[in-house]
Amino acid sequence: MPDKSERKLFWGPLSALGLSLGAVIAISDQILKWWMLNVFEIEAKGQVAVAPFLDLVMVWNRGISFGLFQQGSQIGQILLAVLAVAAVIGLTWWLASMTSVIGAVGAGLVMGGAIGNGIDRLVYGAVADFFSFHVGDFYWYVFNIADAAIVVGVVGLMYESIFESHKKVSKTS
C-alpha cells in the first residue's frame, strides 16, 4: 500500500480547485473573445467608450501578456503556444504539492489565462485584446480576461512561494 504522504506527480488536495478554475477562466475568456469579435464586431466599431476610464478597442497582440516579447512570425507564435503548454504542465505539477488555497487559485488563474491566450495564438496567430483602461490621456496596456487572470494568478503564486514555503519550513524545524 503506498504511503499517503508520498507526493503524487500531477494530483494533490487542491488540484481539482486549480484545474476547475483554470477551465472556467479559459472558457470565459474564449466566450468573451468570440462574442466581441463575432457578435459585438469590435473590429468594425473601432474605439467604444464604456466609462470615463474604460474603452473597448481591438488590438491583435503578437506578444505575451501586455504586449511583451512581440512575435510576428508563425514560428514565434508556435513557440509562444508551446511555452504556454509547458507553463500549464509545470503549474499542474506544482499545484499537486500545494496546500494553500491562494496558491491553487493563483495556479488556476495562470493556467486558464495561458490556455485562453494559447488558443488565440493557434486559431488567429495573435491574441485578441479589448479592454483599455485610462486616466485622462494616460492609457494602460490593452488586455483581455486571460491577461488579467495571469497577473492576479502570479500574485497568488508569489504569495504561495514566499509565505507558504516559510510555513512549511517552520513546521519541519
N, C-alpha and C. Protein backbone atom coordinates (compact mmCIF):
# COMPACT_ATOMS: atom_id res chain seq x y z
N MET A 1 0.85 -1.18 0.00
CA MET A 1 0.00 0.00 0.00
C MET A 1 0.89 1.24 0.00
N PRO A 2 0.66 2.19 -0.92
CA PRO A 2 1.51 3.38 -0.97
C PRO A 2 1.32 4.26 0.25
N ASP A 3 2.41 4.91 0.64
CA ASP A 3 2.39 5.84 1.76
C ASP A 3 1.58 7.08 1.37
N LYS A 4 0.62 7.49 2.22
CA LYS A 4 -0.24 8.63 1.90
C LYS A 4 0.53 9.94 1.86
N SER A 5 1.71 9.99 2.47
CA SER A 5 2.49 11.21 2.46
C SER A 5 3.28 11.37 1.16
N GLU A 6 3.30 10.32 0.32
CA GLU A 6 4.01 10.41 -0.96
C GLU A 6 3.36 11.47 -1.84
N ARG A 7 4.20 12.20 -2.52
CA ARG A 7 3.71 13.23 -3.43
C ARG A 7 3.25 12.57 -4.72
N LYS A 8 2.02 12.86 -5.11
CA LYS A 8 1.54 12.36 -6.39
C LYS A 8 2.01 13.31 -7.47
N LEU A 9 2.38 12.78 -8.61
CA LEU A 9 3.00 13.57 -9.65
C LEU A 9 2.12 14.72 -10.14
N PHE A 10 0.87 14.46 -10.49
CA PHE A 10 0.03 15.51 -11.06
C PHE A 10 -1.31 15.67 -10.35
N TRP A 11 -1.46 15.15 -9.15
CA TRP A 11 -2.73 15.32 -8.44
C TRP A 11 -2.48 15.50 -6.96
N GLY A 12 -3.09 16.51 -6.40
CA GLY A 12 -2.94 16.79 -4.98
C GLY A 12 -4.26 17.24 -4.40
N PRO A 13 -4.26 17.65 -3.13
CA PRO A 13 -5.50 18.00 -2.45
C PRO A 13 -6.22 19.21 -3.05
N LEU A 14 -5.50 20.10 -3.72
CA LEU A 14 -6.13 21.29 -4.29
C LEU A 14 -6.12 21.30 -5.82
N SER A 15 -5.77 20.17 -6.41
CA SER A 15 -5.71 20.09 -7.88
C SER A 15 -7.06 20.36 -8.52
N ALA A 16 -8.13 19.80 -7.97
CA ALA A 16 -9.46 20.00 -8.55
C ALA A 16 -9.83 21.48 -8.56
N LEU A 17 -9.53 22.18 -7.47
CA LEU A 17 -9.82 23.61 -7.39
C LEU A 17 -9.06 24.38 -8.48
N GLY A 18 -7.75 24.18 -8.54
CA GLY A 18 -6.93 24.91 -9.51
C GLY A 18 -7.29 24.60 -10.94
N LEU A 19 -7.48 23.32 -11.25
CA LEU A 19 -7.79 22.93 -12.63
C LEU A 19 -9.19 23.38 -13.04
N SER A 20 -10.15 23.31 -12.11
CA SER A 20 -11.51 23.78 -12.41
C SER A 20 -11.52 25.28 -12.68
N LEU A 21 -10.81 26.03 -11.84
CA LEU A 21 -10.74 27.47 -12.04
C LEU A 21 -10.06 27.79 -13.37
N GLY A 22 -9.01 27.07 -13.68
CA GLY A 22 -8.33 27.26 -14.97
C GLY A 22 -9.27 27.04 -16.14
N ALA A 23 -10.09 26.00 -16.05
CA ALA A 23 -11.05 25.71 -17.12
C ALA A 23 -12.09 26.83 -17.23
N VAL A 24 -12.59 27.32 -16.09
CA VAL A 24 -13.58 28.40 -16.10
C VAL A 24 -12.99 29.66 -16.74
N ILE A 25 -11.75 29.99 -16.39
CA ILE A 25 -11.11 31.18 -16.96
C ILE A 25 -10.92 31.02 -18.46
N ALA A 26 -10.38 29.89 -18.90
CA ALA A 26 -10.13 29.67 -20.33
C ALA A 26 -11.43 29.73 -21.13
N ILE A 27 -12.47 29.08 -20.62
CA ILE A 27 -13.76 29.07 -21.32
C ILE A 27 -14.38 30.47 -21.35
N SER A 28 -14.37 31.16 -20.20
CA SER A 28 -14.92 32.53 -20.14
C SER A 28 -14.18 33.46 -21.10
N ASP A 29 -12.86 33.34 -21.11
CA ASP A 29 -12.03 34.16 -22.00
C ASP A 29 -12.40 33.92 -23.46
N GLN A 30 -12.53 32.67 -23.84
CA GLN A 30 -12.85 32.34 -25.23
C GLN A 30 -14.27 32.76 -25.61
N ILE A 31 -15.22 32.62 -24.70
CA ILE A 31 -16.59 33.05 -24.98
C ILE A 31 -16.64 34.56 -25.19
N LEU A 32 -15.97 35.33 -24.31
CA LEU A 32 -15.97 36.78 -24.46
C LEU A 32 -15.29 37.19 -25.76
N LYS A 33 -14.18 36.57 -26.09
CA LYS A 33 -13.48 36.91 -27.33
C LYS A 33 -14.36 36.60 -28.54
N TRP A 34 -15.00 35.45 -28.53
CA TRP A 34 -15.89 35.10 -29.63
C TRP A 34 -17.00 36.14 -29.76
N TRP A 35 -17.61 36.52 -28.62
CA TRP A 35 -18.70 37.49 -28.63
C TRP A 35 -18.22 38.85 -29.13
N MET A 36 -17.06 39.30 -28.63
CA MET A 36 -16.54 40.61 -29.05
C MET A 36 -16.24 40.64 -30.54
N LEU A 37 -15.71 39.54 -31.08
CA LEU A 37 -15.34 39.50 -32.50
C LEU A 37 -16.53 39.26 -33.42
N ASN A 38 -17.44 38.37 -33.02
CA ASN A 38 -18.49 37.92 -33.93
C ASN A 38 -19.87 38.52 -33.70
N VAL A 39 -20.18 38.93 -32.49
CA VAL A 39 -21.49 39.50 -32.19
C VAL A 39 -21.38 41.02 -32.07
N PHE A 40 -20.53 41.48 -31.18
CA PHE A 40 -20.33 42.92 -30.98
C PHE A 40 -19.58 43.55 -32.16
N GLU A 41 -18.78 42.74 -32.84
CA GLU A 41 -17.98 43.16 -34.00
C GLU A 41 -17.10 44.37 -33.69
N ILE A 42 -16.26 44.19 -32.68
CA ILE A 42 -15.40 45.27 -32.21
C ILE A 42 -14.44 45.78 -33.28
N GLU A 43 -13.99 44.90 -34.17
CA GLU A 43 -13.05 45.35 -35.21
C GLU A 43 -13.67 46.43 -36.09
N ALA A 44 -14.94 46.31 -36.40
CA ALA A 44 -15.61 47.29 -37.27
C ALA A 44 -15.95 48.58 -36.52
N LYS A 45 -16.11 48.49 -35.20
CA LYS A 45 -16.53 49.65 -34.41
C LYS A 45 -15.38 50.56 -34.00
N GLY A 46 -14.17 50.04 -33.97
CA GLY A 46 -13.05 50.86 -33.52
C GLY A 46 -13.09 51.03 -32.01
N GLN A 47 -12.93 52.26 -31.54
CA GLN A 47 -12.89 52.54 -30.10
C GLN A 47 -14.30 52.85 -29.59
N VAL A 48 -14.72 52.12 -28.54
CA VAL A 48 -16.04 52.31 -27.95
C VAL A 48 -15.86 52.70 -26.49
N ALA A 49 -16.28 53.91 -26.13
CA ALA A 49 -16.18 54.37 -24.74
C ALA A 49 -17.27 53.70 -23.91
N VAL A 50 -16.86 53.03 -22.84
CA VAL A 50 -17.80 52.34 -21.95
C VAL A 50 -17.99 53.15 -20.67
N ALA A 51 -16.92 53.76 -20.20
CA ALA A 51 -16.92 54.57 -18.98
C ALA A 51 -15.83 55.63 -19.16
N PRO A 52 -15.79 56.64 -18.29
CA PRO A 52 -14.75 57.67 -18.44
C PRO A 52 -13.31 57.12 -18.35
N PHE A 53 -13.17 55.91 -17.86
CA PHE A 53 -11.85 55.30 -17.66
C PHE A 53 -11.67 54.00 -18.44
N LEU A 54 -12.67 53.59 -19.23
CA LEU A 54 -12.61 52.30 -19.93
C LEU A 54 -13.15 52.42 -21.35
N ASP A 55 -12.33 51.97 -22.29
CA ASP A 55 -12.75 51.86 -23.69
C ASP A 55 -12.63 50.41 -24.12
N LEU A 56 -13.43 50.03 -25.10
CA LEU A 56 -13.27 48.75 -25.77
C LEU A 56 -12.63 49.05 -27.12
N VAL A 57 -11.54 48.37 -27.42
CA VAL A 57 -10.82 48.53 -28.69
C VAL A 57 -10.38 47.15 -29.16
N MET A 58 -9.96 47.06 -30.39
CA MET A 58 -9.47 45.78 -30.91
C MET A 58 -7.97 45.89 -31.16
N VAL A 59 -7.22 45.06 -30.45
CA VAL A 59 -5.77 45.00 -30.64
C VAL A 59 -5.39 43.54 -30.79
N TRP A 60 -4.65 43.22 -31.84
CA TRP A 60 -4.13 41.87 -32.02
C TRP A 60 -2.71 41.87 -31.46
N ASN A 61 -2.53 41.19 -30.36
CA ASN A 61 -1.26 41.15 -29.64
C ASN A 61 -0.46 39.92 -30.08
N ARG A 62 0.70 40.15 -30.64
CA ARG A 62 1.55 39.05 -31.08
C ARG A 62 2.61 38.69 -30.05
N GLY A 63 2.54 39.32 -28.88
CA GLY A 63 3.49 39.01 -27.80
C GLY A 63 2.79 38.23 -26.70
N ILE A 64 3.36 38.30 -25.50
CA ILE A 64 2.70 37.67 -24.35
C ILE A 64 1.93 38.75 -23.61
N SER A 65 1.56 38.53 -22.39
CA SER A 65 0.72 39.48 -21.65
C SER A 65 1.25 40.91 -21.78
N PHE A 66 0.34 41.82 -22.02
CA PHE A 66 0.61 43.25 -22.15
C PHE A 66 1.59 43.57 -23.27
N GLY A 67 1.62 42.74 -24.31
CA GLY A 67 2.41 43.03 -25.49
C GLY A 67 3.90 42.77 -25.38
N LEU A 68 4.33 42.12 -24.32
CA LEU A 68 5.76 41.83 -24.17
C LEU A 68 6.20 40.75 -25.16
N PHE A 69 7.44 40.81 -25.61
CA PHE A 69 8.06 39.81 -26.49
C PHE A 69 7.24 39.59 -27.77
N GLN A 70 7.02 40.65 -28.51
CA GLN A 70 6.25 40.57 -29.76
C GLN A 70 6.86 39.56 -30.73
N GLN A 71 6.02 38.70 -31.29
CA GLN A 71 6.44 37.68 -32.25
C GLN A 71 5.54 37.75 -33.47
N GLY A 72 6.04 38.33 -34.55
CA GLY A 72 5.24 38.46 -35.76
C GLY A 72 5.23 37.22 -36.63
N SER A 73 6.22 36.36 -36.49
CA SER A 73 6.30 35.19 -37.36
C SER A 73 5.45 34.05 -36.84
N GLN A 74 5.11 33.14 -37.75
CA GLN A 74 4.32 31.97 -37.36
C GLN A 74 5.11 31.10 -36.39
N ILE A 75 6.41 30.95 -36.61
CA ILE A 75 7.22 30.13 -35.71
C ILE A 75 7.26 30.75 -34.32
N GLY A 76 7.31 32.09 -34.26
CA GLY A 76 7.28 32.77 -32.96
C GLY A 76 5.99 32.51 -32.22
N GLN A 77 4.87 32.54 -32.94
CA GLN A 77 3.57 32.27 -32.32
C GLN A 77 3.48 30.83 -31.83
N ILE A 78 4.02 29.91 -32.62
CA ILE A 78 4.03 28.49 -32.21
C ILE A 78 4.89 28.32 -30.97
N LEU A 79 6.05 28.98 -30.94
CA LEU A 79 6.92 28.88 -29.76
C LEU A 79 6.23 29.43 -28.51
N LEU A 80 5.50 30.55 -28.66
CA LEU A 80 4.76 31.09 -27.51
C LEU A 80 3.65 30.14 -27.07
N ALA A 81 3.00 29.47 -28.02
CA ALA A 81 1.96 28.49 -27.67
C ALA A 81 2.59 27.30 -26.95
N VAL A 82 3.76 26.85 -27.41
CA VAL A 82 4.47 25.75 -26.75
C VAL A 82 4.87 26.17 -25.34
N LEU A 83 5.32 27.41 -25.18
CA LEU A 83 5.66 27.93 -23.86
C LEU A 83 4.44 27.90 -22.94
N ALA A 84 3.27 28.24 -23.47
CA ALA A 84 2.04 28.20 -22.67
C ALA A 84 1.73 26.77 -22.23
N VAL A 85 1.89 25.80 -23.13
CA VAL A 85 1.65 24.39 -22.78
C VAL A 85 2.63 23.95 -21.70
N ALA A 86 3.90 24.33 -21.85
CA ALA A 86 4.91 23.97 -20.84
C ALA A 86 4.57 24.60 -19.49
N ALA A 87 4.10 25.84 -19.51
CA ALA A 87 3.71 26.51 -18.26
C ALA A 87 2.55 25.79 -17.60
N VAL A 88 1.57 25.37 -18.38
CA VAL A 88 0.41 24.65 -17.82
C VAL A 88 0.85 23.32 -17.22
N ILE A 89 1.72 22.60 -17.90
CA ILE A 89 2.22 21.33 -17.36
C ILE A 89 2.99 21.57 -16.07
N GLY A 90 3.88 22.55 -16.07
CA GLY A 90 4.64 22.86 -14.87
C GLY A 90 3.77 23.30 -13.71
N LEU A 91 2.77 24.12 -13.99
CA LEU A 91 1.86 24.58 -12.93
C LEU A 91 0.99 23.45 -12.42
N THR A 92 0.59 22.53 -13.29
CA THR A 92 -0.19 21.37 -12.85
C THR A 92 0.64 20.53 -11.89
N TRP A 93 1.91 20.36 -12.21
CA TRP A 93 2.82 19.60 -11.34
C TRP A 93 2.99 20.31 -10.00
N TRP A 94 3.20 21.64 -10.02
CA TRP A 94 3.36 22.42 -8.79
C TRP A 94 2.07 22.39 -7.98
N LEU A 95 0.94 22.51 -8.65
CA LEU A 95 -0.36 22.50 -8.00
C LEU A 95 -0.57 21.24 -7.17
N ALA A 96 -0.04 20.12 -7.64
CA ALA A 96 -0.21 18.85 -6.93
C ALA A 96 0.40 18.88 -5.53
N SER A 97 1.38 19.75 -5.30
CA SER A 97 2.02 19.80 -3.98
C SER A 97 1.53 20.97 -3.13
N MET A 98 0.64 21.79 -3.66
CA MET A 98 0.20 22.98 -2.92
C MET A 98 -0.75 22.62 -1.79
N THR A 99 -0.60 23.36 -0.70
CA THR A 99 -1.51 23.21 0.44
C THR A 99 -2.25 24.51 0.72
N SER A 100 -1.95 25.54 -0.04
CA SER A 100 -2.57 26.85 0.13
C SER A 100 -3.63 27.08 -0.94
N VAL A 101 -4.83 27.46 -0.51
CA VAL A 101 -5.90 27.77 -1.45
C VAL A 101 -5.49 28.95 -2.34
N ILE A 102 -4.80 29.93 -1.75
CA ILE A 102 -4.36 31.09 -2.53
C ILE A 102 -3.42 30.65 -3.65
N GLY A 103 -2.50 29.76 -3.35
CA GLY A 103 -1.59 29.26 -4.37
C GLY A 103 -2.32 28.48 -5.45
N ALA A 104 -3.28 27.65 -5.04
CA ALA A 104 -4.05 26.86 -6.01
C ALA A 104 -4.89 27.76 -6.91
N VAL A 105 -5.49 28.78 -6.33
CA VAL A 105 -6.25 29.74 -7.13
C VAL A 105 -5.31 30.46 -8.10
N GLY A 106 -4.14 30.87 -7.60
CA GLY A 106 -3.15 31.52 -8.46
C GLY A 106 -2.75 30.65 -9.63
N ALA A 107 -2.46 29.38 -9.35
CA ALA A 107 -2.07 28.45 -10.41
C ALA A 107 -3.20 28.29 -11.42
N GLY A 108 -4.43 28.15 -10.93
CA GLY A 108 -5.58 28.01 -11.82
C GLY A 108 -5.77 29.23 -12.71
N LEU A 109 -5.61 30.42 -12.13
CA LEU A 109 -5.76 31.64 -12.92
C LEU A 109 -4.70 31.73 -14.02
N VAL A 110 -3.45 31.42 -13.67
CA VAL A 110 -2.38 31.48 -14.67
C VAL A 110 -2.60 30.43 -15.75
N MET A 111 -2.97 29.21 -15.34
CA MET A 111 -3.21 28.16 -16.33
C MET A 111 -4.35 28.53 -17.27
N GLY A 112 -5.46 29.01 -16.72
CA GLY A 112 -6.59 29.40 -17.55
C GLY A 112 -6.23 30.51 -18.52
N GLY A 113 -5.49 31.50 -18.03
CA GLY A 113 -5.05 32.59 -18.89
C GLY A 113 -4.12 32.11 -20.00
N ALA A 114 -3.19 31.24 -19.63
CA ALA A 114 -2.25 30.70 -20.63
C ALA A 114 -2.98 29.89 -21.69
N ILE A 115 -3.96 29.11 -21.26
CA ILE A 115 -4.73 28.31 -22.22
C ILE A 115 -5.56 29.22 -23.13
N GLY A 116 -6.24 30.21 -22.53
CA GLY A 116 -7.07 31.12 -23.32
C GLY A 116 -6.26 31.85 -24.38
N ASN A 117 -5.11 32.41 -23.98
CA ASN A 117 -4.28 33.12 -24.95
C ASN A 117 -3.60 32.15 -25.92
N GLY A 118 -3.28 30.95 -25.45
CA GLY A 118 -2.69 29.94 -26.34
C GLY A 118 -3.64 29.53 -27.45
N ILE A 119 -4.92 29.40 -27.11
CA ILE A 119 -5.93 29.07 -28.14
C ILE A 119 -5.96 30.17 -29.20
N ASP A 120 -5.94 31.43 -28.76
CA ASP A 120 -5.93 32.55 -29.72
C ASP A 120 -4.74 32.45 -30.67
N ARG A 121 -3.57 32.16 -30.12
CA ARG A 121 -2.36 32.07 -30.96
C ARG A 121 -2.52 31.01 -32.04
N LEU A 122 -3.08 29.87 -31.65
CA LEU A 122 -3.23 28.78 -32.61
C LEU A 122 -4.34 29.06 -33.62
N VAL A 123 -5.41 29.71 -33.20
CA VAL A 123 -6.54 29.98 -34.09
C VAL A 123 -6.31 31.23 -34.95
N TYR A 124 -5.84 32.32 -34.34
CA TYR A 124 -5.72 33.60 -35.04
C TYR A 124 -4.29 34.01 -35.37
N GLY A 125 -3.31 33.37 -34.76
CA GLY A 125 -1.92 33.79 -34.94
C GLY A 125 -1.55 34.98 -34.08
N ALA A 126 -2.45 35.40 -33.20
CA ALA A 126 -2.24 36.51 -32.28
C ALA A 126 -3.32 36.44 -31.20
N VAL A 127 -3.14 37.20 -30.14
CA VAL A 127 -4.10 37.21 -29.04
C VAL A 127 -5.01 38.42 -29.18
N ALA A 128 -6.32 38.20 -29.03
CA ALA A 128 -7.31 39.27 -29.12
C ALA A 128 -7.41 39.99 -27.78
N ASP A 129 -7.12 41.29 -27.78
CA ASP A 129 -7.22 42.12 -26.57
C ASP A 129 -8.25 43.22 -26.82
N PHE A 130 -9.00 43.59 -25.76
CA PHE A 130 -10.11 44.54 -25.93
C PHE A 130 -10.18 45.65 -24.90
N PHE A 131 -9.79 45.38 -23.67
CA PHE A 131 -10.02 46.33 -22.58
C PHE A 131 -8.90 47.36 -22.52
N SER A 132 -9.26 48.63 -22.55
CA SER A 132 -8.29 49.72 -22.50
C SER A 132 -8.67 50.66 -21.36
N PHE A 133 -7.99 50.52 -20.22
CA PHE A 133 -8.20 51.42 -19.09
C PHE A 133 -7.32 52.64 -19.26
N HIS A 134 -7.83 53.79 -18.81
CA HIS A 134 -7.05 55.02 -18.92
C HIS A 134 -7.48 56.02 -17.87
N VAL A 135 -6.56 56.93 -17.57
CA VAL A 135 -6.84 58.07 -16.71
C VAL A 135 -6.45 59.29 -17.53
N GLY A 136 -7.44 60.06 -17.95
CA GLY A 136 -7.15 61.20 -18.82
C GLY A 136 -6.51 60.71 -20.11
N ASP A 137 -5.33 61.25 -20.41
CA ASP A 137 -4.61 60.86 -21.62
C ASP A 137 -3.61 59.74 -21.38
N PHE A 138 -3.55 59.21 -20.16
CA PHE A 138 -2.64 58.10 -19.86
C PHE A 138 -3.39 56.78 -20.06
N TYR A 139 -2.94 56.01 -21.03
CA TYR A 139 -3.57 54.73 -21.35
C TYR A 139 -2.68 53.59 -20.90
N TRP A 140 -3.28 52.62 -20.21
CA TRP A 140 -2.57 51.41 -19.82
C TRP A 140 -2.61 50.45 -21.00
N TYR A 141 -1.96 49.31 -20.87
CA TYR A 141 -1.97 48.31 -21.93
C TYR A 141 -3.39 47.82 -22.21
N VAL A 142 -3.64 47.44 -23.43
CA VAL A 142 -4.91 46.81 -23.80
C VAL A 142 -4.77 45.33 -23.45
N PHE A 143 -5.80 44.78 -22.81
CA PHE A 143 -5.70 43.41 -22.31
C PHE A 143 -7.04 42.69 -22.42
N ASN A 144 -7.05 41.42 -21.99
CA ASN A 144 -8.26 40.60 -22.02
C ASN A 144 -8.41 39.87 -20.68
N ILE A 145 -9.43 39.04 -20.56
CA ILE A 145 -9.66 38.29 -19.32
C ILE A 145 -8.45 37.42 -18.99
N ALA A 146 -7.89 36.76 -19.99
CA ALA A 146 -6.75 35.87 -19.76
C ALA A 146 -5.56 36.63 -19.18
N ASP A 147 -5.27 37.81 -19.73
CA ASP A 147 -4.16 38.62 -19.22
C ASP A 147 -4.38 39.00 -17.76
N ALA A 148 -5.60 39.45 -17.44
CA ALA A 148 -5.92 39.83 -16.06
C ALA A 148 -5.78 38.63 -15.13
N ALA A 149 -6.25 37.47 -15.57
CA ALA A 149 -6.14 36.26 -14.76
C ALA A 149 -4.68 35.90 -14.51
N ILE A 150 -3.84 36.04 -15.53
CA ILE A 150 -2.42 35.73 -15.37
C ILE A 150 -1.78 36.66 -14.34
N VAL A 151 -2.07 37.95 -14.40
CA VAL A 151 -1.48 38.90 -13.46
C VAL A 151 -1.92 38.59 -12.03
N VAL A 152 -3.22 38.41 -11.82
CA VAL A 152 -3.72 38.10 -10.47
C VAL A 152 -3.17 36.75 -10.01
N GLY A 153 -3.11 35.79 -10.92
CA GLY A 153 -2.58 34.47 -10.58
C GLY A 153 -1.12 34.50 -10.17
N VAL A 154 -0.32 35.30 -10.86
CA VAL A 154 1.10 35.42 -10.50
C VAL A 154 1.24 35.98 -9.08
N VAL A 155 0.39 36.92 -8.71
CA VAL A 155 0.41 37.44 -7.33
C VAL A 155 0.13 36.31 -6.34
N GLY A 156 -0.87 35.48 -6.64
CA GLY A 156 -1.17 34.33 -5.78
C GLY A 156 -0.02 33.35 -5.70
N LEU A 157 0.64 33.10 -6.82
CA LEU A 157 1.79 32.19 -6.83
C LEU A 157 2.97 32.77 -6.06
N MET A 158 3.15 34.08 -6.15
CA MET A 158 4.22 34.72 -5.37
C MET A 158 3.93 34.57 -3.88
N TYR A 159 2.68 34.77 -3.49
CA TYR A 159 2.28 34.57 -2.10
C TYR A 159 2.59 33.13 -1.68
N GLU A 160 2.20 32.18 -2.51
CA GLU A 160 2.44 30.76 -2.23
C GLU A 160 3.93 30.49 -2.02
N SER A 161 4.75 30.99 -2.93
CA SER A 161 6.17 30.66 -2.86
C SER A 161 6.88 31.41 -1.74
N ILE A 162 6.43 32.59 -1.38
CA ILE A 162 7.09 33.35 -0.32
C ILE A 162 6.58 32.97 1.06
N PHE A 163 5.26 33.05 1.26
CA PHE A 163 4.72 32.88 2.60
C PHE A 163 4.43 31.43 2.96
N GLU A 164 3.86 30.68 2.04
CA GLU A 164 3.52 29.30 2.35
C GLU A 164 4.77 28.43 2.48
N SER A 165 5.80 28.71 1.69
CA SER A 165 7.03 27.91 1.81
C SER A 165 7.68 28.15 3.16
N HIS A 166 7.57 29.36 3.71
CA HIS A 166 8.12 29.64 5.05
C HIS A 166 7.37 28.85 6.11
N LYS A 167 6.04 28.72 5.94
CA LYS A 167 5.26 27.94 6.91
C LYS A 167 5.69 26.49 6.90
N LYS A 168 5.96 25.94 5.71
CA LYS A 168 6.39 24.55 5.60
C LYS A 168 7.75 24.35 6.26
N VAL A 169 8.66 25.32 6.07
CA VAL A 169 9.98 25.22 6.69
C VAL A 169 9.85 25.31 8.20
N SER A 170 9.00 26.21 8.71
CA SER A 170 8.81 26.35 10.15
C SER A 170 8.25 25.08 10.78
N LYS A 171 7.34 24.40 10.09
CA LYS A 171 6.74 23.18 10.63
C LYS A 171 7.75 22.05 10.69
N THR A 172 8.72 22.04 9.78
CA THR A 172 9.70 20.95 9.77
C THR A 172 10.88 21.24 10.69
N SER A 173 11.01 22.47 11.18
CA SER A 173 12.14 22.83 12.05
C SER A 173 11.91 22.37 13.47
